[in-house]
Amino acid sequence: VLLALLLSGCASRLPPLPTVENLDLNRYMGKWYVIACIPTFIETEAYNATETYRLEPDGTIDTVFTFNQGGFEGPLKRYNPRGFVRDPVNKSTWGIRFVWPFKAEFLVTQIDSAYTRTVVGRNNRDYVWIMARTPEIPAADYDRLVVELSAQGYDTAKLRRVPQRWSDASTAR
């Protein structure tokens, strides 16, 4: 009973986030630049952060998260978690496994019709990622997304714009 009370105290009081309907996994795959995020502990000093997804034959998603630590010239960090689609209908609710057997919640809450901008969040509103196929997005688009995230219950004061600076040769990373 004590454990149930403790766990219920950790539950979010906010309603579940809506996720994208009928996410086209094949179109979603590929490279995304992290424009901004409420960062996890490994992302607090990330520069040139990208997330790349590849759909595997077994239906899992190979994920490669890379960034320079502490500055544009900082050491390159690379993480390779595995994604698992939890919602076979809409395909926008995933579990991401960094360490077996734990899977972190990964919700694709927004995608534009051209599959060039996306938002990934969590029901606890503790982390969120704004990503795009390009290293920058127009300020008006960013501002609109921040307003939407605030309306969903995120503390947008915690958002960190991820510095992106790329030469044509380095975008191939």
N, C-alpha and C. Protein backbone atom coordinates (compact mmCIF):
# COMPACT_ATOMS: atom_id res chain seq x y z
N VAL A 1 0.83 -1.19 0.00
CA VAL A 1 0.00 0.00 0.00
C VAL A 1 0.87 1.25 0.00
N LEU A 2 1.94 1.25 0.82
CA LEU A 2 2.84 2.40 0.87
C LEU A 2 3.48 2.65 -0.50
N LEU A 3 3.90 1.58 -1.16
CA LEU A 3 4.50 1.72 -2.48
C LEU A 3 3.50 2.31 -3.47
N ALA A 4 2.25 1.85 -3.42
CA ALA A 4 1.22 2.39 -4.32
C ALA A 4 1.00 3.88 -4.07
N LEU A 5 0.99 4.28 -2.80
CA LEU A 5 0.81 5.70 -2.48
C LEU A 5 1.98 6.53 -2.98
N LEU A 6 3.20 6.01 -2.81
CA LEU A 6 4.37 6.73 -3.29
C LEU A 6 4.35 6.88 -4.80
N LEU A 7 4.02 5.81 -5.49
CA LEU A 7 3.98 5.85 -6.95
C LEU A 7 2.87 6.74 -7.47
N SER A 8 1.72 6.75 -6.79
CA SER A 8 0.63 7.61 -7.25
C SER A 8 0.99 9.08 -7.05
N GLY A 9 1.81 9.37 -6.06
CA GLY A 9 2.27 10.75 -5.84
C GLY A 9 3.19 11.22 -6.93
N CYS A 10 3.82 10.29 -7.66
CA CYS A 10 4.73 10.64 -8.75
C CYS A 10 3.99 10.83 -10.07
N ALA A 11 2.75 10.40 -10.12
CA ALA A 11 2.01 10.46 -11.38
C ALA A 11 1.69 11.91 -11.74
N SER A 12 1.66 12.16 -13.02
CA SER A 12 1.35 13.50 -13.51
C SER A 12 -0.12 13.79 -13.27
N ARG A 13 -0.42 15.02 -12.89
CA ARG A 13 -1.80 15.47 -12.70
C ARG A 13 -2.36 16.04 -14.00
N LEU A 14 -1.54 16.10 -15.02
CA LEU A 14 -1.96 16.64 -16.31
C LEU A 14 -2.55 15.52 -17.17
N PRO A 15 -3.44 15.86 -18.08
CA PRO A 15 -3.99 14.82 -18.96
C PRO A 15 -2.90 14.31 -19.90
N PRO A 16 -3.06 13.09 -20.40
CA PRO A 16 -2.08 12.56 -21.35
C PRO A 16 -1.98 13.46 -22.58
N LEU A 17 -0.78 13.55 -23.11
CA LEU A 17 -0.56 14.33 -24.32
C LEU A 17 -1.16 13.62 -25.52
N PRO A 18 -1.81 14.35 -26.41
CA PRO A 18 -2.25 13.72 -27.65
C PRO A 18 -1.04 13.44 -28.53
N THR A 19 -1.08 12.34 -29.23
CA THR A 19 0.01 11.99 -30.14
C THR A 19 -0.49 12.07 -31.58
N VAL A 20 0.45 12.07 -32.49
CA VAL A 20 0.15 12.14 -33.92
C VAL A 20 -0.64 10.90 -34.33
N GLU A 21 -1.66 11.12 -35.13
CA GLU A 21 -2.42 10.00 -35.69
C GLU A 21 -1.75 9.54 -36.97
N ASN A 22 -1.64 8.22 -37.11
CA ASN A 22 -1.12 7.60 -38.33
C ASN A 22 0.24 8.14 -38.76
N LEU A 23 1.19 8.15 -37.83
CA LEU A 23 2.55 8.56 -38.16
C LEU A 23 3.12 7.62 -39.21
N ASP A 24 3.64 8.18 -40.28
CA ASP A 24 4.28 7.39 -41.33
C ASP A 24 5.74 7.17 -40.91
N LEU A 25 6.01 6.01 -40.37
CA LEU A 25 7.35 5.73 -39.85
C LEU A 25 8.43 5.89 -40.90
N ASN A 26 8.16 5.47 -42.12
CA ASN A 26 9.19 5.58 -43.16
C ASN A 26 9.54 7.04 -43.43
N ARG A 27 8.55 7.93 -43.44
CA ARG A 27 8.83 9.36 -43.65
C ARG A 27 9.50 9.98 -42.43
N TYR A 28 9.22 9.45 -41.25
CA TYR A 28 9.79 10.00 -40.02
C TYR A 28 11.27 9.64 -39.87
N MET A 29 11.68 8.54 -40.49
CA MET A 29 13.06 8.11 -40.36
C MET A 29 14.00 9.14 -40.98
N GLY A 30 15.25 9.09 -40.54
CA GLY A 30 16.25 10.00 -41.07
C GLY A 30 16.77 10.94 -39.99
N LYS A 31 17.45 11.97 -40.44
CA LYS A 31 18.15 12.89 -39.54
C LYS A 31 17.26 14.06 -39.14
N TRP A 32 17.28 14.37 -37.84
CA TRP A 32 16.59 15.52 -37.27
C TRP A 32 17.60 16.33 -36.46
N TYR A 33 17.54 17.65 -36.60
CA TYR A 33 18.35 18.56 -35.79
C TYR A 33 17.54 18.95 -34.56
N VAL A 34 18.15 18.89 -33.39
CA VAL A 34 17.46 19.30 -32.17
C VAL A 34 17.53 20.82 -32.09
N ILE A 35 16.40 21.44 -32.24
CA ILE A 35 16.31 22.91 -32.23
C ILE A 35 16.29 23.42 -30.79
N ALA A 36 15.52 22.76 -29.95
CA ALA A 36 15.41 23.15 -28.55
C ALA A 36 14.90 21.95 -27.76
N CYS A 37 15.14 21.98 -26.47
CA CYS A 37 14.66 20.89 -25.62
C CYS A 37 14.61 21.35 -24.16
N ILE A 38 13.82 20.65 -23.39
CA ILE A 38 14.01 20.66 -21.95
C ILE A 38 14.96 19.49 -21.76
N PRO A 39 16.22 19.79 -21.48
CA PRO A 39 17.27 18.76 -21.61
C PRO A 39 17.31 17.73 -20.49
N THR A 40 17.71 16.52 -20.89
CA THR A 40 18.10 15.52 -19.92
C THR A 40 19.49 15.89 -19.42
N PHE A 41 19.99 15.19 -18.42
CA PHE A 41 21.30 15.54 -17.85
C PHE A 41 22.43 15.45 -18.87
N ILE A 42 22.30 14.60 -19.88
CA ILE A 42 23.39 14.49 -20.85
C ILE A 42 23.35 15.60 -21.91
N GLU A 43 22.24 16.35 -22.00
CA GLU A 43 22.07 17.35 -23.05
C GLU A 43 22.28 18.79 -22.60
N THR A 44 22.60 19.01 -21.35
CA THR A 44 22.63 20.38 -20.83
C THR A 44 23.67 21.26 -21.51
N GLU A 45 24.71 20.66 -22.09
CA GLU A 45 25.75 21.43 -22.78
C GLU A 45 25.95 20.91 -24.20
N ALA A 46 24.85 20.45 -24.83
CA ALA A 46 24.94 19.90 -26.18
C ALA A 46 24.95 20.99 -27.23
N TYR A 47 25.82 20.84 -28.22
CA TYR A 47 25.90 21.70 -29.39
C TYR A 47 25.78 20.79 -30.61
N ASN A 48 25.18 21.31 -31.69
CA ASN A 48 25.04 20.52 -32.92
C ASN A 48 24.39 19.16 -32.66
N ALA A 49 23.37 19.15 -31.85
CA ALA A 49 22.69 17.89 -31.52
C ALA A 49 21.81 17.43 -32.68
N THR A 50 21.92 16.15 -33.01
CA THR A 50 21.07 15.54 -34.02
C THR A 50 20.58 14.18 -33.51
N GLU A 51 19.45 13.80 -34.05
CA GLU A 51 18.87 12.49 -33.74
C GLU A 51 18.56 11.86 -35.10
N THR A 52 19.04 10.65 -35.31
CA THR A 52 18.81 9.96 -36.58
C THR A 52 18.13 8.64 -36.30
N TYR A 53 17.06 8.37 -37.05
CA TYR A 53 16.27 7.15 -36.86
C TYR A 53 16.35 6.28 -38.12
N ARG A 54 16.42 4.97 -37.88
CA ARG A 54 16.39 4.00 -39.00
C ARG A 54 15.49 2.84 -38.58
N LEU A 55 14.48 2.57 -39.39
CA LEU A 55 13.57 1.47 -39.12
C LEU A 55 14.24 0.15 -39.49
N GLU A 56 14.29 -0.74 -38.53
CA GLU A 56 14.93 -2.05 -38.73
C GLU A 56 13.90 -3.06 -39.25
N PRO A 57 14.36 -4.14 -39.88
CA PRO A 57 13.43 -5.16 -40.39
C PRO A 57 12.54 -5.77 -39.30
N ASP A 58 13.02 -5.79 -38.05
CA ASP A 58 12.21 -6.37 -36.98
C ASP A 58 11.20 -5.37 -36.39
N GLY A 59 11.12 -4.17 -36.98
CA GLY A 59 10.16 -3.17 -36.51
C GLY A 59 10.69 -2.24 -35.44
N THR A 60 11.89 -2.51 -34.92
CA THR A 60 12.48 -1.60 -33.94
C THR A 60 13.12 -0.43 -34.68
N ILE A 61 13.48 0.58 -33.92
CA ILE A 61 14.05 1.79 -34.52
C ILE A 61 15.44 2.00 -33.97
N ASP A 62 16.42 1.92 -34.87
CA ASP A 62 17.80 2.22 -34.50
C ASP A 62 17.89 3.73 -34.37
N THR A 63 18.35 4.20 -33.22
CA THR A 63 18.42 5.62 -32.94
C THR A 63 19.87 6.00 -32.66
N VAL A 64 20.33 7.07 -33.30
CA VAL A 64 21.67 7.58 -33.05
C VAL A 64 21.53 9.05 -32.66
N PHE A 65 21.93 9.34 -31.43
CA PHE A 65 21.90 10.71 -30.91
C PHE A 65 23.33 11.19 -30.77
N THR A 66 23.69 12.26 -31.48
CA THR A 66 25.05 12.78 -31.43
C THR A 66 25.03 14.27 -31.12
N PHE A 67 26.09 14.74 -30.48
CA PHE A 67 26.27 16.16 -30.22
C PHE A 67 27.70 16.40 -29.80
N ASN A 68 28.11 17.67 -29.87
CA ASN A 68 29.40 18.09 -29.34
C ASN A 68 29.15 18.56 -27.91
N GLN A 69 29.96 18.07 -26.99
CA GLN A 69 29.81 18.38 -25.57
C GLN A 69 30.51 19.69 -25.22
N GLY A 70 29.75 20.67 -24.72
CA GLY A 70 30.33 21.88 -24.18
C GLY A 70 30.65 22.98 -25.16
N GLY A 71 30.58 22.72 -26.46
CA GLY A 71 30.86 23.75 -27.46
C GLY A 71 30.95 23.11 -28.84
N PHE A 72 31.00 23.94 -29.85
CA PHE A 72 31.07 23.43 -31.22
C PHE A 72 32.31 22.58 -31.48
N GLU A 73 33.38 22.88 -30.79
CA GLU A 73 34.63 22.13 -30.94
C GLU A 73 34.79 21.06 -29.87
N GLY A 74 33.77 20.91 -29.01
CA GLY A 74 33.85 19.93 -27.93
C GLY A 74 33.84 18.51 -28.45
N PRO A 75 34.14 17.56 -27.57
CA PRO A 75 34.17 16.16 -27.99
C PRO A 75 32.81 15.69 -28.49
N LEU A 76 32.84 14.88 -29.53
CA LEU A 76 31.62 14.31 -30.09
C LEU A 76 31.13 13.19 -29.17
N LYS A 77 29.88 13.30 -28.77
CA LYS A 77 29.23 12.26 -27.96
C LYS A 77 28.23 11.55 -28.85
N ARG A 78 28.10 10.24 -28.64
CA ARG A 78 27.19 9.43 -29.45
C ARG A 78 26.49 8.43 -28.54
N TYR A 79 25.17 8.40 -28.65
CA TYR A 79 24.36 7.44 -27.92
C TYR A 79 23.52 6.69 -28.93
N ASN A 80 23.28 5.41 -28.67
CA ASN A 80 22.60 4.55 -29.64
C ASN A 80 21.47 3.76 -28.97
N PRO A 81 20.43 4.46 -28.50
CA PRO A 81 19.31 3.72 -27.92
C PRO A 81 18.47 3.04 -29.00
N ARG A 82 17.61 2.15 -28.58
CA ARG A 82 16.73 1.43 -29.50
C ARG A 82 15.30 1.86 -29.22
N GLY A 83 14.53 2.13 -30.29
CA GLY A 83 13.13 2.51 -30.16
C GLY A 83 12.21 1.33 -30.42
N PHE A 84 11.10 1.31 -29.70
CA PHE A 84 10.10 0.25 -29.83
C PHE A 84 8.74 0.91 -29.97
N VAL A 85 8.06 0.68 -31.08
CA VAL A 85 6.74 1.26 -31.30
C VAL A 85 5.77 0.54 -30.37
N ARG A 86 5.12 1.31 -29.51
CA ARG A 86 4.17 0.74 -28.54
C ARG A 86 2.73 0.81 -29.02
N ASP A 87 2.46 1.68 -29.98
CA ASP A 87 1.10 1.86 -30.51
C ASP A 87 1.12 1.43 -31.97
N PRO A 88 0.70 0.18 -32.26
CA PRO A 88 0.79 -0.30 -33.64
C PRO A 88 -0.19 0.37 -34.60
N VAL A 89 -1.17 1.11 -34.09
CA VAL A 89 -2.14 1.78 -34.95
C VAL A 89 -1.59 3.12 -35.43
N ASN A 90 -1.27 4.01 -34.49
CA ASN A 90 -0.80 5.35 -34.86
C ASN A 90 0.72 5.44 -34.99
N LYS A 91 1.43 4.54 -34.36
CA LYS A 91 2.90 4.45 -34.42
C LYS A 91 3.63 5.68 -33.85
N SER A 92 2.94 6.49 -33.04
CA SER A 92 3.54 7.71 -32.50
C SER A 92 3.86 7.61 -31.00
N THR A 93 3.64 6.46 -30.41
CA THR A 93 4.02 6.21 -29.02
C THR A 93 5.10 5.14 -29.03
N TRP A 94 6.27 5.53 -28.56
CA TRP A 94 7.42 4.62 -28.55
C TRP A 94 7.95 4.45 -27.13
N GLY A 95 8.72 3.41 -26.97
CA GLY A 95 9.59 3.27 -25.81
C GLY A 95 11.01 3.36 -26.34
N ILE A 96 11.85 4.10 -25.66
CA ILE A 96 13.26 4.22 -26.08
C ILE A 96 14.11 3.59 -24.98
N ARG A 97 14.91 2.60 -25.38
CA ARG A 97 15.73 1.88 -24.40
C ARG A 97 17.20 2.28 -24.53
N PHE A 98 17.69 2.94 -23.48
CA PHE A 98 19.12 3.23 -23.37
C PHE A 98 19.81 2.08 -22.63
N VAL A 99 19.13 1.56 -21.59
CA VAL A 99 19.67 0.49 -20.76
C VAL A 99 18.58 -0.56 -20.57
N TRP A 100 18.91 -1.81 -20.88
CA TRP A 100 17.95 -2.89 -20.70
C TRP A 100 17.66 -3.05 -19.22
N PRO A 101 16.44 -3.28 -18.81
CA PRO A 101 15.20 -3.47 -19.56
C PRO A 101 14.32 -2.22 -19.62
N PHE A 102 14.85 -1.08 -19.23
CA PHE A 102 14.05 0.13 -19.09
C PHE A 102 13.83 0.83 -20.43
N LYS A 103 12.58 1.27 -20.64
CA LYS A 103 12.23 2.00 -21.85
C LYS A 103 11.59 3.32 -21.44
N ALA A 104 12.18 4.41 -21.88
CA ALA A 104 11.65 5.73 -21.60
C ALA A 104 10.51 6.05 -22.56
N GLU A 105 9.55 6.78 -22.07
CA GLU A 105 8.41 7.20 -22.89
C GLU A 105 8.87 8.20 -23.95
N PHE A 106 8.39 8.03 -25.16
CA PHE A 106 8.74 8.85 -26.33
C PHE A 106 7.45 9.05 -27.10
N LEU A 107 6.90 10.26 -27.07
CA LEU A 107 5.62 10.53 -27.71
C LEU A 107 5.80 11.54 -28.84
N VAL A 108 5.49 11.15 -30.04
CA VAL A 108 5.53 12.09 -31.16
C VAL A 108 4.20 12.85 -31.08
N THR A 109 4.29 14.08 -30.57
CA THR A 109 3.07 14.86 -30.34
C THR A 109 2.73 15.79 -31.49
N GLN A 110 3.71 16.09 -32.33
CA GLN A 110 3.46 16.96 -33.49
C GLN A 110 4.37 16.56 -34.64
N ILE A 111 3.81 16.68 -35.83
CA ILE A 111 4.60 16.54 -37.06
C ILE A 111 3.91 17.40 -38.11
N ASP A 112 4.65 18.17 -38.86
CA ASP A 112 4.01 18.96 -39.91
C ASP A 112 3.76 18.05 -41.11
N SER A 113 2.92 18.52 -42.03
CA SER A 113 2.51 17.67 -43.14
C SER A 113 3.66 17.27 -44.06
N ALA A 114 4.71 18.08 -44.09
CA ALA A 114 5.87 17.78 -44.93
C ALA A 114 6.92 16.94 -44.21
N TYR A 115 6.66 16.61 -42.96
CA TYR A 115 7.61 15.84 -42.14
C TYR A 115 8.96 16.57 -42.04
N THR A 116 8.89 17.88 -41.82
CA THR A 116 10.11 18.67 -41.67
C THR A 116 10.30 19.22 -40.26
N ARG A 117 9.24 19.19 -39.44
CA ARG A 117 9.32 19.64 -38.04
C ARG A 117 8.52 18.69 -37.18
N THR A 118 9.06 18.42 -35.99
CA THR A 118 8.38 17.50 -35.08
C THR A 118 8.60 17.95 -33.64
N VAL A 119 7.71 17.50 -32.77
CA VAL A 119 7.87 17.68 -31.33
C VAL A 119 7.70 16.31 -30.70
N VAL A 120 8.65 15.98 -29.82
CA VAL A 120 8.61 14.73 -29.07
C VAL A 120 8.53 15.10 -27.60
N GLY A 121 7.60 14.50 -26.89
CA GLY A 121 7.43 14.83 -25.48
C GLY A 121 7.18 13.61 -24.62
N ARG A 122 6.84 13.92 -23.38
CA ARG A 122 6.51 12.90 -22.38
C ARG A 122 5.33 13.40 -21.56
N ASN A 123 4.47 12.47 -21.13
CA ASN A 123 3.30 12.85 -20.36
C ASN A 123 3.64 13.59 -19.06
N ASN A 124 4.79 13.31 -18.48
CA ASN A 124 5.18 14.01 -17.25
C ASN A 124 5.58 15.45 -17.50
N ARG A 125 5.73 15.84 -18.77
CA ARG A 125 6.15 17.19 -19.16
C ARG A 125 7.51 17.56 -18.59
N ASP A 126 8.33 16.55 -18.32
CA ASP A 126 9.67 16.81 -17.79
C ASP A 126 10.70 17.02 -18.89
N TYR A 127 10.49 16.44 -20.05
CA TYR A 127 11.40 16.61 -21.19
C TYR A 127 10.58 16.80 -22.44
N VAL A 128 11.14 17.57 -23.37
CA VAL A 128 10.51 17.77 -24.67
C VAL A 128 11.61 18.14 -25.66
N TRP A 129 11.40 17.79 -26.92
CA TRP A 129 12.36 18.10 -27.97
C TRP A 129 11.62 18.68 -29.17
N ILE A 130 12.08 19.83 -29.63
CA ILE A 130 11.62 20.42 -30.89
C ILE A 130 12.71 20.10 -31.90
N MET A 131 12.35 19.43 -32.99
CA MET A 131 13.35 19.02 -33.97
C MET A 131 12.89 19.39 -35.37
N ALA A 132 13.87 19.52 -36.26
CA ALA A 132 13.58 19.87 -37.65
C ALA A 132 14.59 19.18 -38.56
N ARG A 133 14.28 19.14 -39.82
CA ARG A 133 15.18 18.55 -40.81
C ARG A 133 16.32 19.51 -41.16
N THR A 134 16.20 20.74 -40.71
CA THR A 134 17.23 21.76 -40.93
C THR A 134 17.72 22.26 -39.58
N PRO A 135 18.94 22.81 -39.51
CA PRO A 135 19.50 23.25 -38.23
C PRO A 135 18.79 24.45 -37.60
N GLU A 136 17.97 25.14 -38.37
CA GLU A 136 17.25 26.30 -37.86
C GLU A 136 15.82 26.28 -38.38
N ILE A 137 14.92 26.94 -37.62
CA ILE A 137 13.56 27.15 -38.08
C ILE A 137 13.24 28.63 -37.91
N PRO A 138 12.28 29.15 -38.66
CA PRO A 138 11.92 30.56 -38.51
C PRO A 138 11.48 30.88 -37.07
N ALA A 139 11.83 32.06 -36.61
CA ALA A 139 11.52 32.48 -35.23
C ALA A 139 10.02 32.40 -34.95
N ALA A 140 9.19 32.76 -35.90
CA ALA A 140 7.74 32.72 -35.69
C ALA A 140 7.26 31.29 -35.44
N ASP A 141 7.83 30.32 -36.16
CA ASP A 141 7.47 28.92 -35.95
C ASP A 141 7.91 28.44 -34.57
N TYR A 142 9.12 28.82 -34.19
CA TYR A 142 9.62 28.44 -32.86
C TYR A 142 8.73 29.06 -31.78
N ASP A 143 8.42 30.32 -31.90
CA ASP A 143 7.59 30.99 -30.89
C ASP A 143 6.22 30.34 -30.78
N ARG A 144 5.64 29.96 -31.91
CA ARG A 144 4.33 29.29 -31.90
C ARG A 144 4.42 27.96 -31.16
N LEU A 145 5.48 27.20 -31.42
CA LEU A 145 5.65 25.91 -30.74
C LEU A 145 5.82 26.10 -29.24
N VAL A 146 6.54 27.12 -28.82
CA VAL A 146 6.73 27.38 -27.39
C VAL A 146 5.39 27.70 -26.73
N VAL A 147 4.56 28.50 -27.38
CA VAL A 147 3.23 28.82 -26.85
C VAL A 147 2.40 27.54 -26.72
N GLU A 148 2.46 26.68 -27.73
CA GLU A 148 1.71 25.41 -27.69
C GLU A 148 2.21 24.52 -26.56
N LEU A 149 3.53 24.46 -26.37
CA LEU A 149 4.07 23.63 -25.29
C LEU A 149 3.65 24.17 -23.93
N SER A 150 3.65 25.47 -23.77
CA SER A 150 3.20 26.07 -22.52
C SER A 150 1.73 25.71 -22.24
N ALA A 151 0.89 25.77 -23.27
CA ALA A 151 -0.52 25.42 -23.12
C ALA A 151 -0.71 23.95 -22.76
N GLN A 152 0.24 23.11 -23.14
CA GLN A 152 0.17 21.68 -22.81
C GLN A 152 0.67 21.38 -21.39
N GLY A 153 1.21 22.38 -20.71
CA GLY A 153 1.66 22.18 -19.34
C GLY A 153 3.15 22.11 -19.14
N TYR A 154 3.93 22.36 -20.19
CA TYR A 154 5.39 22.37 -20.05
C TYR A 154 5.85 23.69 -19.42
N ASP A 155 6.90 23.62 -18.62
CA ASP A 155 7.55 24.82 -18.10
C ASP A 155 8.53 25.27 -19.17
N THR A 156 8.09 26.17 -20.04
CA THR A 156 8.91 26.57 -21.18
C THR A 156 10.11 27.42 -20.77
N ALA A 157 10.15 27.88 -19.53
CA ALA A 157 11.34 28.59 -19.04
C ALA A 157 12.53 27.64 -18.99
N LYS A 158 12.27 26.33 -18.97
CA LYS A 158 13.34 25.33 -18.94
C LYS A 158 13.85 24.97 -20.34
N LEU A 159 13.18 25.47 -21.39
CA LEU A 159 13.62 25.17 -22.75
C LEU A 159 15.01 25.73 -23.00
N ARG A 160 15.81 24.95 -23.66
CA ARG A 160 17.17 25.38 -24.05
C ARG A 160 17.27 25.30 -25.56
N ARG A 161 17.56 26.43 -26.19
CA ARG A 161 17.84 26.42 -27.62
C ARG A 161 19.17 25.73 -27.80
N VAL A 162 19.22 24.75 -28.65
CA VAL A 162 20.45 24.01 -28.88
C VAL A 162 21.25 24.74 -29.96
N PRO A 163 22.45 25.21 -29.63
CA PRO A 163 23.26 25.90 -30.64
C PRO A 163 23.59 24.96 -31.80
N GLN A 164 23.33 25.44 -32.99
CA GLN A 164 23.61 24.68 -34.22
C GLN A 164 24.47 25.54 -35.13
N ARG A 165 25.60 25.01 -35.54
CA ARG A 165 26.47 25.69 -36.51
C ARG A 165 27.09 24.60 -37.38
N TRP A 166 26.76 24.64 -38.64
CA TRP A 166 27.18 23.58 -39.55
C TRP A 166 27.80 24.17 -40.81
N SER A 167 28.86 23.53 -41.26
CA SER A 167 29.34 23.79 -42.61
C SER A 167 28.68 22.74 -43.48
N ASP A 168 28.67 22.93 -44.76
CA ASP A 168 28.03 21.95 -45.65
C ASP A 168 28.63 20.56 -45.47
N ALA A 169 29.93 20.49 -45.26
CA ALA A 169 30.60 19.19 -45.11
C ALA A 169 30.21 18.52 -43.79
N SER A 170 30.02 19.30 -42.74
CA SER A 170 29.77 18.69 -41.43
C SER A 170 28.33 18.23 -41.26
N THR A 171 27.39 18.66 -42.10
CA THR A 171 26.01 18.23 -41.95
C THR A 171 25.85 16.75 -42.33
N ALA A 172 26.84 16.18 -42.92
CA ALA A 172 26.79 14.76 -43.31
C ALA A 172 26.97 13.83 -42.11
N ARG A 173 27.44 14.37 -40.97
CA ARG A 173 27.71 13.54 -39.79
C ARG A 173 26.54 12.66 -39.42
